[in-house]
Amino acid sequence: MEATPATRMFILRVCSEALPTLANLRRRKIAEDSTCLICRQCPEMSGHALWGCPAAQDVWNQCVKRVQKMSVHSDLFIDIWVELVHHLEPIELAEVATILREELQEFVW
């Protein structure tokens, strides 16, 4: 995948569950509640925060058509990333990685 080193590192952190999601913070006893602060519907895990949350879906709905049409659901972003790798062309995957790092990272954290 053609992406900047910072983008590749961000994807590695996301797939390793190393981001400060509320679910991770609750597991470490830093936060009391893991419910997503944006939608208040689900625990804020990586898959929800970066893919499944209605706010994240608003971002993905502006992406390439193949991403818009994907129906992938998982609490863990690694599962979603594997599906993206299997279904997208390298240039589309690079676009998704860039959006994750530049748009959603600032929006969620």
PDB file of N, CA and C in Angstrom:
ATOM      1  N   MET A   1       0.841  -1.171   0.000  1.00  0.00           N
ATOM      2  CA  MET A   1       0.000   0.000   0.000  1.00  0.00           C
ATOM      3  C   MET A   1       0.893   1.243   0.000  1.00  0.00           C
ATOM      4  N   GLU A   2       0.606   2.151  -0.897  1.00  0.00           N
ATOM      5  CA  GLU A   2       1.316   3.422  -0.966  1.00  0.00           C
ATOM      6  C   GLU A   2       0.697   4.385   0.037  1.00  0.00           C
ATOM      7  N   ALA A   3       1.416   4.665   1.090  1.00  0.00           N
ATOM      8  CA  ALA A   3       0.940   5.600   2.111  1.00  0.00           C
ATOM      9  C   ALA A   3       2.149   6.150   2.851  1.00  0.00           C
ATOM     10  N   THR A   4       1.954   7.263   3.505  1.00  0.00           N
ATOM     11  CA  THR A   4       3.047   7.858   4.267  1.00  0.00           C
ATOM     12  C   THR A   4       3.383   6.965   5.462  1.00  0.00           C
ATOM     13  N   PRO A   5       4.599   7.085   5.975  1.00  0.00           N
ATOM     14  CA  PRO A   5       4.940   6.304   7.169  1.00  0.00           C
ATOM     15  C   PRO A   5       3.993   6.580   8.343  1.00  0.00           C
ATOM     16  N   ALA A   6       3.573   7.822   8.500  1.00  0.00           N
ATOM     17  CA  ALA A   6       2.649   8.156   9.597  1.00  0.00           C
ATOM     18  C   ALA A   6       1.306   7.452   9.419  1.00  0.00           C
ATOM     19  N   THR A   7       0.837   7.368   8.182  1.00  0.00           N
ATOM     20  CA  THR A   7      -0.429   6.681   7.911  1.00  0.00           C
ATOM     21  C   THR A   7      -0.288   5.190   8.164  1.00  0.00           C
ATOM     22  N   ARG A   8       0.802   4.600   7.707  1.00  0.00           N
ATOM     23  CA  ARG A   8       1.019   3.162   7.948  1.00  0.00           C
ATOM     24  C   ARG A   8       1.115   2.869   9.447  1.00  0.00           C
ATOM     25  N   MET A   9       1.773   3.746  10.191  1.00  0.00           N
ATOM     26  CA  MET A   9       1.882   3.556  11.644  1.00  0.00           C
ATOM     27  C   MET A   9       0.510   3.673  12.306  1.00  0.00           C
ATOM     28  N   PHE A  10      -0.306   4.604  11.848  1.00  0.00           N
ATOM     29  CA  PHE A  10      -1.648   4.744  12.406  1.00  0.00           C
ATOM     30  C   PHE A  10      -2.465   3.478  12.157  1.00  0.00           C
ATOM     31  N   ILE A  11      -2.401   2.927  10.943  1.00  0.00           N
ATOM     32  CA  ILE A  11      -3.123   1.687  10.625  1.00  0.00           C
ATOM     33  C   ILE A  11      -2.632   0.555  11.524  1.00  0.00           C
ATOM     34  N   LEU A  12      -1.341   0.477  11.737  1.00  0.00           N
ATOM     35  CA  LEU A  12      -0.789  -0.551  12.629  1.00  0.00           C
ATOM     36  C   LEU A  12      -1.345  -0.392  14.042  1.00  0.00           C
ATOM     37  N   ARG A  13      -1.398   0.829  14.532  1.00  0.00           N
ATOM     38  CA  ARG A  13      -1.940   1.071  15.876  1.00  0.00           C
ATOM     39  C   ARG A  13      -3.418   0.720  15.952  1.00  0.00           C
ATOM     40  N   VAL A  14      -4.166   1.081  14.908  1.00  0.00           N
ATOM     41  CA  VAL A  14      -5.601   0.761  14.887  1.00  0.00           C
ATOM     42  C   VAL A  14      -5.798  -0.747  14.909  1.00  0.00           C
ATOM     43  N   CYS A  15      -5.087  -1.452  14.044  1.00  0.00           N
ATOM     44  CA  CYS A  15      -5.255  -2.908  13.939  1.00  0.00           C
ATOM     45  C   CYS A  15      -4.732  -3.644  15.166  1.00  0.00           C
ATOM     46  N   SER A  16      -3.866  -3.010  15.925  1.00  0.00           N
ATOM     47  CA  SER A  16      -3.334  -3.608  17.157  1.00  0.00           C
ATOM     48  C   SER A  16      -4.164  -3.244  18.381  1.00  0.00           C
ATOM     49  N   GLU A  17      -5.273  -2.527  18.169  1.00  0.00           N
ATOM     50  CA  GLU A  17      -6.131  -2.071  19.268  1.00  0.00           C
ATOM     51  C   GLU A  17      -5.347  -1.214  20.262  1.00  0.00           C
ATOM     52  N   ALA A  18      -4.442  -0.383  19.732  1.00  0.00           N
ATOM     53  CA  ALA A  18      -3.600   0.458  20.584  1.00  0.00           C
ATOM     54  C   ALA A  18      -4.100   1.892  20.686  1.00  0.00           C
ATOM     55  N   LEU A  19      -5.285   2.170  20.172  1.00  0.00           N
ATOM     56  CA  LEU A  19      -5.837   3.522  20.252  1.00  0.00           C
ATOM     57  C   LEU A  19      -6.666   3.680  21.526  1.00  0.00           C
ATOM     58  N   PRO A  20      -6.771   4.904  22.020  1.00  0.00           N
ATOM     59  CA  PRO A  20      -7.499   5.130  23.276  1.00  0.00           C
ATOM     60  C   PRO A  20      -9.019   5.172  23.097  1.00  0.00           C
ATOM     61  N   THR A  21      -9.581   4.082  22.622  1.00  0.00           N
ATOM     62  CA  THR A  21     -11.042   4.019  22.545  1.00  0.00           C
ATOM     63  C   THR A  21     -11.588   3.927  23.969  1.00  0.00           C
ATOM     64  N   LEU A  22     -12.825   4.293  24.134  1.00  0.00           N
ATOM     65  CA  LEU A  22     -13.412   4.221  25.477  1.00  0.00           C
ATOM     66  C   LEU A  22     -13.435   2.792  26.000  1.00  0.00           C
ATOM     67  N   ALA A  23     -13.609   1.817  25.116  1.00  0.00           N
ATOM     68  CA  ALA A  23     -13.585   0.416  25.552  1.00  0.00           C
ATOM     69  C   ALA A  23     -12.202   0.048  26.089  1.00  0.00           C
ATOM     70  N   ASN A  24     -11.142   0.501  25.400  1.00  0.00           N
ATOM     71  CA  ASN A  24      -9.786   0.237  25.887  1.00  0.00           C
ATOM     72  C   ASN A  24      -9.519   0.972  27.199  1.00  0.00           C
ATOM     73  N   LEU A  25      -9.980   2.204  27.288  1.00  0.00           N
ATOM     74  CA  LEU A  25      -9.779   2.972  28.523  1.00  0.00           C
ATOM     75  C   LEU A  25     -10.555   2.368  29.689  1.00  0.00           C
ATOM     76  N   ARG A  26     -11.727   1.845  29.421  1.00  0.00           N
ATOM     77  CA  ARG A  26     -12.513   1.199  30.481  1.00  0.00           C
ATOM     78  C   ARG A  26     -11.826  -0.087  30.941  1.00  0.00           C
ATOM     79  N   ARG A  27     -11.309  -0.839  29.988  1.00  0.00           N
ATOM     80  CA  ARG A  27     -10.604  -2.070  30.327  1.00  0.00           C
ATOM     81  C   ARG A  27      -9.394  -1.782  31.221  1.00  0.00           C
ATOM     82  N   ARG A  28      -8.768  -0.622  31.024  1.00  0.00           N
ATOM     83  CA  ARG A  28      -7.610  -0.228  31.834  1.00  0.00           C
ATOM     84  C   ARG A  28      -8.016   0.542  33.091  1.00  0.00           C
ATOM     85  N   LYS A  29      -9.328   0.627  33.325  1.00  0.00           N
ATOM     86  CA  LYS A  29      -9.894   1.301  34.497  1.00  0.00           C
ATOM     87  C   LYS A  29      -9.601   2.810  34.509  1.00  0.00           C
ATOM     88  N   ILE A  30      -9.514   3.396  33.321  1.00  0.00           N
ATOM     89  CA  ILE A  30      -9.318   4.840  33.183  1.00  0.00           C
ATOM     90  C   ILE A  30     -10.656   5.527  32.961  1.00  0.00           C
ATOM     91  N   ALA A  31     -11.557   4.862  32.262  1.00  0.00           N
ATOM     92  CA  ALA A  31     -12.902   5.399  32.012  1.00  0.00           C
ATOM     93  C   ALA A  31     -13.925   4.476  32.655  1.00  0.00           C
ATOM     94  N   GLU A  32     -15.026   5.049  33.089  1.00  0.00           N
ATOM     95  CA  GLU A  32     -16.078   4.243  33.716  1.00  0.00           C
ATOM     96  C   GLU A  32     -17.055   3.672  32.703  1.00  0.00           C
ATOM     97  N   ASP A  33     -17.297   4.395  31.634  1.00  0.00           N
ATOM     98  CA  ASP A  33     -18.299   3.991  30.649  1.00  0.00           C
ATOM     99  C   ASP A  33     -17.638   3.900  29.280  1.00  0.00           C
ATOM    100  N   SER A  34     -17.958   2.868  28.531  1.00  0.00           N
ATOM    101  CA  SER A  34     -17.368   2.700  27.204  1.00  0.00           C
ATOM    102  C   SER A  34     -18.331   3.063  26.079  1.00  0.00           C
ATOM    103  N   THR A  35     -19.496   3.588  26.406  1.00  0.00           N
ATOM    104  CA  THR A  35     -20.486   3.931  25.386  1.00  0.00           C
ATOM    105  C   THR A  35     -19.977   5.083  24.524  1.00  0.00           C
ATOM    106  N   CYS A  36     -20.137   4.941  23.225  1.00  0.00           N
ATOM    107  CA  CYS A  36     -19.723   5.961  22.261  1.00  0.00           C
ATOM    108  C   CYS A  36     -20.352   7.305  22.626  1.00  0.00           C
ATOM    109  N   LEU A  37     -19.540   8.325  22.731  1.00  0.00           N
ATOM    110  CA  LEU A  37     -20.024   9.652  23.104  1.00  0.00           C
ATOM    111  C   LEU A  37     -20.754  10.349  21.961  1.00  0.00           C
ATOM    112  N   ILE A  38     -20.570   9.870  20.752  1.00  0.00           N
ATOM    113  CA  ILE A  38     -21.189  10.509  19.595  1.00  0.00           C
ATOM    114  C   ILE A  38     -22.597   9.983  19.365  1.00  0.00           C
ATOM    115  N   CYS A  39     -22.733   8.670  19.263  1.00  0.00           N
ATOM    116  CA  CYS A  39     -24.058   8.110  18.954  1.00  0.00           C
ATOM    117  C   CYS A  39     -24.784   7.560  20.177  1.00  0.00           C
ATOM    118  N   ARG A  40     -24.037   7.273  21.232  1.00  0.00           N
ATOM    119  CA  ARG A  40     -24.600   6.713  22.463  1.00  0.00           C
ATOM    120  C   ARG A  40     -25.378   5.413  22.226  1.00  0.00           C
ATOM    121  N   GLN A  41     -24.949   4.638  21.227  1.00  0.00           N
ATOM    122  CA  GLN A  41     -25.643   3.395  20.885  1.00  0.00           C
ATOM    123  C   GLN A  41     -24.829   2.147  21.192  1.00  0.00           C
ATOM    124  N   CYS A  42     -23.519   2.226  21.067  1.00  0.00           N
ATOM    125  CA  CYS A  42     -22.658   1.043  21.175  1.00  0.00           C
ATOM    126  C   CYS A  42     -21.413   1.383  21.983  1.00  0.00           C
ATOM    127  N   PRO A  43     -20.725   0.352  22.469  1.00  0.00           N
ATOM    128  CA  PRO A  43     -19.421   0.610  23.081  1.00  0.00           C
ATOM    129  C   PRO A  43     -18.464   1.167  22.024  1.00  0.00           C
ATOM    130  N   GLU A  44     -17.637   2.115  22.425  1.00  0.00           N
ATOM    131  CA  GLU A  44     -16.689   2.707  21.492  1.00  0.00           C
ATOM    132  C   GLU A  44     -15.459   1.812  21.390  1.00  0.00           C
ATOM    133  N   MET A  45     -15.531   0.859  20.475  1.00  0.00           N
ATOM    134  CA  MET A  45     -14.395   0.014  20.138  1.00  0.00           C
ATOM    135  C   MET A  45     -13.875   0.503  18.793  1.00  0.00           C
ATOM    136  N   SER A  46     -12.718   0.028  18.378  1.00  0.00           N
ATOM    137  CA  SER A  46     -12.104   0.547  17.151  1.00  0.00           C
ATOM    138  C   SER A  46     -13.005   0.379  15.934  1.00  0.00           C
ATOM    139  N   GLY A  47     -13.649  -0.766  15.798  1.00  0.00           N
ATOM    140  CA  GLY A  47     -14.519  -0.993  14.643  1.00  0.00           C
ATOM    141  C   GLY A  47     -15.701  -0.052  14.615  1.00  0.00           C
ATOM    142  N   HIS A  48     -16.256   0.214  15.781  1.00  0.00           N
ATOM    143  CA  HIS A  48     -17.391   1.134  15.846  1.00  0.00           C
ATOM    144  C   HIS A  48     -16.938   2.568  15.586  1.00  0.00           C
ATOM    145  N   ALA A  49     -15.897   2.999  16.280  1.00  0.00           N
ATOM    146  CA  ALA A  49     -15.460   4.394  16.186  1.00  0.00           C
ATOM    147  C   ALA A  49     -15.021   4.770  14.777  1.00  0.00           C
ATOM    148  N   LEU A  50     -14.355   3.853  14.093  1.00  0.00           N
ATOM    149  CA  LEU A  50     -13.785   4.181  12.785  1.00  0.00           C
ATOM    150  C   LEU A  50     -14.598   3.686  11.602  1.00  0.00           C
ATOM    151  N   TRP A  51     -15.620   2.873  11.847  1.00  0.00           N
ATOM    152  CA  TRP A  51     -16.380   2.320  10.728  1.00  0.00           C
ATOM    153  C   TRP A  51     -17.884   2.316  10.966  1.00  0.00           C
ATOM    154  N   GLY A  52     -18.320   1.800  12.097  1.00  0.00           N
ATOM    155  CA  GLY A  52     -19.740   1.546  12.310  1.00  0.00           C
ATOM    156  C   GLY A  52     -20.564   2.693  12.863  1.00  0.00           C
ATOM    157  N   CYS A  53     -19.951   3.624  13.551  1.00  0.00           N
ATOM    158  CA  CYS A  53     -20.690   4.750  14.130  1.00  0.00           C
ATOM    159  C   CYS A  53     -21.324   5.574  13.006  1.00  0.00           C
ATOM    160  N   PRO A  54     -22.554   6.031  13.198  1.00  0.00           N
ATOM    161  CA  PRO A  54     -23.187   6.857  12.162  1.00  0.00           C
ATOM    162  C   PRO A  54     -22.328   8.052  11.737  1.00  0.00           C
ATOM    163  N   ALA A  55     -21.585   8.629  12.654  1.00  0.00           N
ATOM    164  CA  ALA A  55     -20.713   9.751  12.292  1.00  0.00           C
ATOM    165  C   ALA A  55     -19.580   9.290  11.378  1.00  0.00           C
ATOM    166  N   ALA A  56     -19.014   8.112  11.649  1.00  0.00           N
ATOM    167  CA  ALA A  56     -17.972   7.570  10.773  1.00  0.00           C
ATOM    168  C   ALA A  56     -18.563   7.211   9.414  1.00  0.00           C
ATOM    169  N   GLN A  57     -19.773   6.691   9.408  1.00  0.00           N
ATOM    170  CA  GLN A  57     -20.428   6.343   8.146  1.00  0.00           C
ATOM    171  C   GLN A  57     -20.643   7.574   7.271  1.00  0.00           C
ATOM    172  N   ASP A  58     -20.879   8.725   7.885  1.00  0.00           N
ATOM    173  CA  ASP A  58     -20.998   9.960   7.108  1.00  0.00           C
ATOM    174  C   ASP A  58     -19.711  10.244   6.333  1.00  0.00           C
ATOM    175  N   VAL A  59     -18.575   9.970   6.955  1.00  0.00           N
ATOM    176  CA  VAL A  59     -17.284  10.159   6.280  1.00  0.00           C
ATOM    177  C   VAL A  59     -17.137   9.147   5.153  1.00  0.00           C
ATOM    178  N   TRP A  60     -17.446   7.869   5.429  1.00  0.00           N
ATOM    179  CA  TRP A  60     -17.271   6.827   4.411  1.00  0.00           C
ATOM    180  C   TRP A  60     -18.243   6.999   3.245  1.00  0.00           C
ATOM    181  N   ASN A  61     -19.375   7.614   3.478  1.00  0.00           N
ATOM    182  CA  ASN A  61     -20.330   7.837   2.393  1.00  0.00           C
ATOM    183  C   ASN A  61     -19.837   8.850   1.370  1.00  0.00           C
ATOM    184  N   GLN A  62     -18.746   9.527   1.672  1.00  0.00           N
ATOM    185  CA  GLN A  62     -18.139  10.458   0.727  1.00  0.00           C
ATOM    186  C   GLN A  62     -16.916   9.852   0.050  1.00  0.00           C
ATOM    187  N   CYS A  63     -16.647   8.597   0.330  1.00  0.00           N
ATOM    188  CA  CYS A  63     -15.480   7.899  -0.196  1.00  0.00           C
ATOM    189  C   CYS A  63     -15.832   7.207  -1.513  1.00  0.00           C
ATOM    190  N   VAL A  64     -14.905   6.425  -2.055  1.00  0.00           N
ATOM    191  CA  VAL A  64     -15.138   5.709  -3.305  1.00  0.00           C
ATOM    192  C   VAL A  64     -16.333   4.768  -3.168  1.00  0.00           C
ATOM    193  N   LYS A  65     -17.018   4.517  -4.266  1.00  0.00           N
ATOM    194  CA  LYS A  65     -18.256   3.715  -4.271  1.00  0.00           C
ATOM    195  C   LYS A  65     -18.059   2.333  -3.657  1.00  0.00           C
ATOM    196  N   ARG A  66     -16.931   1.704  -3.919  1.00  0.00           N
ATOM    197  CA  ARG A  66     -16.722   0.349  -3.401  1.00  0.00           C
ATOM    198  C   ARG A  66     -16.700   0.333  -1.879  1.00  0.00           C
ATOM    199  N   VAL A  67     -16.226   1.394  -1.279  1.00  0.00           N
ATOM    200  CA  VAL A  67     -16.229   1.486   0.184  1.00  0.00           C
ATOM    201  C   VAL A  67     -17.646   1.747   0.677  1.00  0.00           C
ATOM    202  N   GLN A  68     -18.363   2.617  -0.007  1.00  0.00           N
ATOM    203  CA  GLN A  68     -19.741   2.932   0.384  1.00  0.00           C
ATOM    204  C   GLN A  68     -20.620   1.688   0.384  1.00  0.00           C
ATOM    205  N   LYS A  69     -20.379   0.780  -0.548  1.00  0.00           N
ATOM    206  CA  LYS A  69     -21.231  -0.398  -0.702  1.00  0.00           C
ATOM    207  C   LYS A  69     -20.851  -1.550   0.222  1.00  0.00           C
ATOM    208  N   MET A  70     -19.707  -1.454   0.886  1.00  0.00           N
ATOM    209  CA  MET A  70     -19.266  -2.555   1.741  1.00  0.00           C
ATOM    210  C   MET A  70     -20.131  -2.652   2.988  1.00  0.00           C
ATOM    211  N   SER A  71     -20.488  -3.869   3.321  1.00  0.00           N
ATOM    212  CA  SER A  71     -21.276  -4.128   4.517  1.00  0.00           C
ATOM    213  C   SER A  71     -20.453  -5.027   5.433  1.00  0.00           C
ATOM    214  N   VAL A  72     -19.639  -4.405   6.253  1.00  0.00           N
ATOM    215  CA  VAL A  72     -18.761  -5.126   7.168  1.00  0.00           C
ATOM    216  C   VAL A  72     -19.073  -4.634   8.574  1.00  0.00           C
ATOM    217  N   HIS A  73     -19.260  -5.566   9.489  1.00  0.00           N
ATOM    218  CA  HIS A  73     -19.565  -5.195  10.869  1.00  0.00           C
ATOM    219  C   HIS A  73     -18.654  -5.979  11.804  1.00  0.00           C
ATOM    220  N   SER A  74     -17.922  -5.262  12.626  1.00  0.00           N
ATOM    221  CA  SER A  74     -17.077  -5.900  13.626  1.00  0.00           C
ATOM    222  C   SER A  74     -16.718  -4.867  14.683  1.00  0.00           C
ATOM    223  N   ASP A  75     -16.542  -5.326  15.891  1.00  0.00           N
ATOM    224  CA  ASP A  75     -16.085  -4.437  16.950  1.00  0.00           C
ATOM    225  C   ASP A  75     -14.602  -4.126  16.799  1.00  0.00           C
ATOM    226  N   LEU A  76     -13.879  -5.020  16.138  1.00  0.00           N
ATOM    227  CA  LEU A  76     -12.441  -4.862  15.974  1.00  0.00           C
ATOM    228  C   LEU A  76     -12.124  -4.391  14.561  1.00  0.00           C
ATOM    229  N   PHE A  77     -11.364  -3.323  14.459  1.00  0.00           N
ATOM    230  CA  PHE A  77     -11.078  -2.769  13.141  1.00  0.00           C
ATOM    231  C   PHE A  77     -10.219  -3.707  12.304  1.00  0.00           C
ATOM    232  N   ILE A  78      -9.429  -4.556  12.915  1.00  0.00           N
ATOM    233  CA  ILE A  78      -8.600  -5.483  12.134  1.00  0.00           C
ATOM    234  C   ILE A  78      -9.464  -6.340  11.218  1.00  0.00           C
ATOM    235  N   ASP A  79     -10.635  -6.763  11.690  1.00  0.00           N
ATOM    236  CA  ASP A  79     -11.542  -7.560  10.853  1.00  0.00           C
ATOM    237  C   ASP A  79     -12.028  -6.746   9.657  1.00  0.00           C
ATOM    238  N   ILE A  80     -12.321  -5.495   9.886  1.00  0.00           N
ATOM    239  CA  ILE A  80     -12.772  -4.612   8.812  1.00  0.00           C
ATOM    240  C   ILE A  80     -11.630  -4.368   7.833  1.00  0.00           C
ATOM    241  N   TRP A  81     -10.418  -4.154   8.355  1.00  0.00           N
ATOM    242  CA  TRP A  81      -9.260  -3.897   7.501  1.00  0.00           C
ATOM    243  C   TRP A  81      -8.984  -5.094   6.590  1.00  0.00           C
ATOM    244  N   VAL A  82      -9.090  -6.292   7.119  1.00  0.00           N
ATOM    245  CA  VAL A  82      -8.876  -7.494   6.297  1.00  0.00           C
ATOM    246  C   VAL A  82      -9.859  -7.519   5.134  1.00  0.00           C
ATOM    247  N   GLU A  83     -11.117  -7.201   5.392  1.00  0.00           N
ATOM    248  CA  GLU A  83     -12.116  -7.149   4.314  1.00  0.00           C
ATOM    249  C   GLU A  83     -11.775  -6.066   3.299  1.00  0.00           C
ATOM    250  N   LEU A  84     -11.333  -4.921   3.777  1.00  0.00           N
ATOM    251  CA  LEU A  84     -10.945  -3.840   2.868  1.00  0.00           C
ATOM    252  C   LEU A  84      -9.785  -4.268   1.979  1.00  0.00           C
ATOM    253  N   VAL A  85      -8.795  -4.914   2.561  1.00  0.00           N
ATOM    254  CA  VAL A  85      -7.633  -5.381   1.790  1.00  0.00           C
ATOM    255  C   VAL A  85      -8.064  -6.359   0.708  1.00  0.00           C
ATOM    256  N   HIS A  86      -9.019  -7.230   1.013  1.00  0.00           N
ATOM    257  CA  HIS A  86      -9.477  -8.231   0.044  1.00  0.00           C
ATOM    258  C   HIS A  86     -10.329  -7.649  -1.074  1.00  0.00           C
ATOM    259  N   HIS A  87     -11.026  -6.552  -0.817  1.00  0.00           N
ATOM    260  CA  HIS A  87     -11.993  -6.050  -1.790  1.00  0.00           C
ATOM    261  C   HIS A  87     -11.581  -4.783  -2.534  1.00  0.00           C
ATOM    262  N   LEU A  88     -10.564  -4.092  -2.072  1.00  0.00           N
ATOM    263  CA  LEU A  88     -10.201  -2.822  -2.690  1.00  0.00           C
ATOM    264  C   LEU A  88      -8.897  -2.916  -3.468  1.00  0.00           C
ATOM    265  N   GLU A  89      -8.782  -2.060  -4.460  1.00  0.00           N
ATOM    266  CA  GLU A  89      -7.531  -1.909  -5.199  1.00  0.00           C
ATOM    267  C   GLU A  89      -6.541  -1.163  -4.297  1.00  0.00           C
ATOM    268  N   PRO A  90      -5.236  -1.325  -4.542  1.00  0.00           N
ATOM    269  CA  PRO A  90      -4.248  -0.651  -3.691  1.00  0.00           C
ATOM    270  C   PRO A  90      -4.444   0.864  -3.576  1.00  0.00           C
ATOM    271  N   ILE A  91      -4.806   1.518  -4.660  1.00  0.00           N
ATOM    272  CA  ILE A  91      -5.005   2.974  -4.601  1.00  0.00           C
ATOM    273  C   ILE A  91      -6.221   3.330  -3.741  1.00  0.00           C
ATOM    274  N   GLU A  92      -7.265   2.500  -3.795  1.00  0.00           N
ATOM    275  CA  GLU A  92      -8.448   2.724  -2.958  1.00  0.00           C
ATOM    276  C   GLU A  92      -8.114   2.480  -1.486  1.00  0.00           C
ATOM    277  N   LEU A  93      -7.317   1.458  -1.235  1.00  0.00           N
ATOM    278  CA  LEU A  93      -6.903   1.144   0.132  1.00  0.00           C
ATOM    279  C   LEU A  93      -6.063   2.285   0.712  1.00  0.00           C
ATOM    280  N   ALA A  94      -5.193   2.856  -0.107  1.00  0.00           N
ATOM    281  CA  ALA A  94      -4.391   3.995   0.339  1.00  0.00           C
ATOM    282  C   ALA A  94      -5.287   5.186   0.673  1.00  0.00           C
ATOM    283  N   GLU A  95      -6.344   5.390  -0.121  1.00  0.00           N
ATOM    284  CA  GLU A  95      -7.292   6.474   0.159  1.00  0.00           C
ATOM    285  C   GLU A  95      -7.995   6.240   1.493  1.00  0.00           C
ATOM    286  N   VAL A  96      -8.421   5.009   1.730  1.00  0.00           N
ATOM    287  CA  VAL A  96      -9.080   4.668   2.996  1.00  0.00           C
ATOM    288  C   VAL A  96      -8.126   4.910   4.167  1.00  0.00           C
ATOM    289  N   ALA A  97      -6.878   4.479   4.025  1.00  0.00           N
ATOM    290  CA  ALA A  97      -5.895   4.667   5.095  1.00  0.00           C
ATOM    291  C   ALA A  97      -5.677   6.146   5.388  1.00  0.00           C
ATOM    292  N   THR A  98      -5.604   6.946   4.342  1.00  0.00           N
ATOM    293  CA  THR A  98      -5.410   8.386   4.517  1.00  0.00           C
ATOM    294  C   THR A  98      -6.618   9.021   5.197  1.00  0.00           C
ATOM    295  N   ILE A  99      -7.806   8.622   4.795  1.00  0.00           N
ATOM    296  CA  ILE A  99      -9.023   9.142   5.429  1.00  0.00           C
ATOM    297  C   ILE A  99      -9.054   8.764   6.906  1.00  0.00           C
ATOM    298  N   LEU A 100      -8.691   7.531   7.207  1.00  0.00           N
ATOM    299  CA  LEU A 100      -8.657   7.096   8.607  1.00  0.00           C
ATOM    300  C   LEU A 100      -7.756   8.002   9.429  1.00  0.00           C
ATOM    301  N   ARG A 101      -6.564   8.237   8.908  1.00  0.00           N
ATOM    302  CA  ARG A 101      -5.597   9.015   9.678  1.00  0.00           C
ATOM    303  C   ARG A 101      -5.946  10.497   9.734  1.00  0.00           C
ATOM    304  N   GLU A 102      -6.302  11.073   8.610  1.00  0.00           N
ATOM    305  CA  GLU A 102      -6.482  12.525   8.560  1.00  0.00           C
ATOM    306  C   GLU A 102      -7.862  12.992   9.003  1.00  0.00           C
ATOM    307  N   GLU A 103      -8.893  12.268   8.640  1.00  0.00           N
ATOM    308  CA  GLU A 103     -10.256  12.713   8.943  1.00  0.00           C
ATOM    309  C   GLU A 103     -10.774  12.137  10.256  1.00  0.00           C
ATOM    310  N   LEU A 104     -10.771  10.823  10.343  1.00  0.00           N
ATOM    311  CA  LEU A 104     -11.407  10.182  11.495  1.00  0.00           C
ATOM    312  C   LEU A 104     -10.586  10.290  12.770  1.00  0.00           C
ATOM    313  N   GLN A 105      -9.266  10.275  12.652  1.00  0.00           N
ATOM    314  CA  GLN A 105      -8.445  10.399  13.856  1.00  0.00           C
ATOM    315  C   GLN A 105      -8.748  11.712  14.569  1.00  0.00           C
ATOM    316  N   GLU A 106      -8.827  12.796  13.829  1.00  0.00           N
ATOM    317  CA  GLU A 106      -9.119  14.092  14.441  1.00  0.00           C
ATOM    318  C   GLU A 106     -10.555  14.154  14.955  1.00  0.00           C
ATOM    319  N   PHE A 107     -11.464  13.516  14.232  1.00  0.00           N
ATOM    320  CA  PHE A 107     -12.877  13.546  14.583  1.00  0.00           C
ATOM    321  C   PHE A 107     -13.159  12.749  15.855  1.00  0.00           C
ATOM    322  N   VAL A 108     -12.561  11.574  15.952  1.00  0.00           N
ATOM    323  CA  VAL A 108     -12.837  10.672  17.072  1.00  0.00           C
ATOM    324  C   VAL A 108     -11.977  11.002  18.284  1.00  0.00           C
ATOM    325  N   TRP A 109     -10.682  11.254  18.074  1.00  0.00           N
ATOM    326  CA  TRP A 109      -9.799  11.507  19.209  1.00  0.00           C
ATOM    327  C   TRP A 109      -9.244  12.896  19.093  1.00  0.00           C
TER     328      TRP A 109
END
